[in-house]
Protein backbone atom coordinates (compact mmCIF):
# COMPACT_ATOMS: atom_id res chain seq x y z
CA MET A 1 -47.25 -29.88 -16.38
CA GLU A 2 -44.14 -28.83 -18.30
CA ASN A 3 -41.32 -27.08 -16.42
CA LYS A 4 -40.47 -23.74 -17.94
CA THR A 5 -36.83 -22.67 -18.06
CA LYS A 6 -34.90 -19.66 -19.19
CA ILE A 7 -31.26 -19.01 -19.95
CA ILE A 8 -29.48 -16.47 -17.77
CA LYS A 9 -26.02 -15.00 -18.34
CA ILE A 10 -23.66 -14.44 -15.42
CA LYS A 11 -20.57 -12.25 -15.61
CA GLN A 12 -17.59 -13.96 -13.95
CA SER A 13 -13.87 -13.32 -13.77
CA ILE A 14 -11.88 -15.37 -16.27
CA GLY A 15 -9.09 -15.56 -13.70
CA TRP A 16 -11.22 -17.39 -11.13
CA ASN A 17 -12.50 -19.75 -13.83
CA LEU A 18 -8.95 -20.55 -14.93
CA ALA A 19 -7.92 -21.13 -11.30
CA PHE A 20 -10.87 -23.52 -10.89
CA TYR A 21 -9.95 -25.56 -13.98
CA PHE A 22 -6.24 -25.67 -13.11
CA LEU A 23 -7.05 -26.87 -9.60
CA GLN A 24 -9.36 -29.55 -11.03
CA LEU A 25 -6.40 -30.94 -12.97
CA LEU A 26 -4.57 -31.66 -9.71
CA TYR A 27 -7.20 -34.22 -8.71
CA GLY A 28 -5.69 -36.49 -11.35
CA PHE A 29 -2.36 -36.77 -9.51
CA PRO A 30 -2.75 -39.32 -6.70
CA GLU A 31 0.82 -38.84 -5.46
CA ILE A 32 -0.03 -35.32 -4.28
CA MET A 33 -3.68 -35.93 -3.40
CA ASN A 34 -2.66 -38.77 -1.07
CA ASP A 35 -0.66 -36.30 1.02
CA GLU A 36 -3.04 -35.53 3.89
CA TYR A 37 -1.50 -32.14 4.74
CA PHE A 38 -1.61 -30.96 1.13
CA TYR A 39 -5.10 -32.36 0.53
CA GLU A 40 -6.63 -30.52 3.49
CA ARG A 41 -5.25 -27.18 2.31
CA PHE A 42 -6.06 -27.95 -1.30
CA GLU A 43 -9.71 -28.64 -0.44
CA GLU A 44 -9.96 -25.28 1.34
CA LEU A 45 -8.50 -23.50 -1.69
CA PHE A 46 -10.69 -25.44 -4.12
CA LYS A 47 -13.84 -24.64 -2.14
CA TYR A 48 -12.87 -20.96 -1.99
CA THR A 49 -12.32 -20.94 -5.76
CA CYS A 50 -15.66 -22.69 -6.38
CA ASP A 51 -17.40 -20.08 -4.23
CA LYS A 52 -15.89 -17.31 -6.39
CA ILE A 53 -17.57 -18.70 -9.51
CA SER A 54 -20.75 -20.07 -7.99
CA THR A 55 -24.00 -19.35 -9.78
CA PRO A 56 -27.23 -18.07 -8.22
CA ASP A 57 -29.13 -21.24 -9.10
CA GLU A 58 -28.40 -24.96 -8.94
CA GLY A 59 -29.45 -25.51 -12.57
CA GLU A 60 -27.20 -27.04 -15.20
CA ILE A 61 -24.58 -24.79 -16.80
CA THR A 62 -25.24 -25.19 -20.52
CA ASP A 63 -22.34 -23.21 -22.00
CA ILE A 64 -19.20 -21.32 -20.98
CA TYR A 65 -17.56 -18.70 -23.15
CA VAL A 66 -15.50 -15.51 -22.98
CA VAL A 67 -16.98 -12.09 -23.59
CA VAL A 68 -14.60 -9.28 -24.44
CA GLU A 69 -15.61 -5.68 -23.71
CA GLN A 70 -13.88 -2.88 -25.57
CA ARG A 71 -14.11 0.89 -25.21
CA VAL A 72 -14.43 2.52 -28.65
CA ASP A 73 -13.97 6.21 -29.38
CA ILE A 74 -17.04 7.79 -30.92
CA ASN A 75 -16.30 10.50 -33.48
């Protein structure tokens, strides 16, 4: 039996997404990640940031993009 899927769209803050990606970059710097005190606090912050952009389902995220909303005067 074939699994059926659908695509859902989730509105998220661009700020929390940027914070998540900036924090991910820090994992590449062993000189700061090897500091136990920093790492413990960093992990708390990273988990908090991940929770802010978590999705309602465990499925694969297939695309990420920015949507801009604009208020337009109607004549």
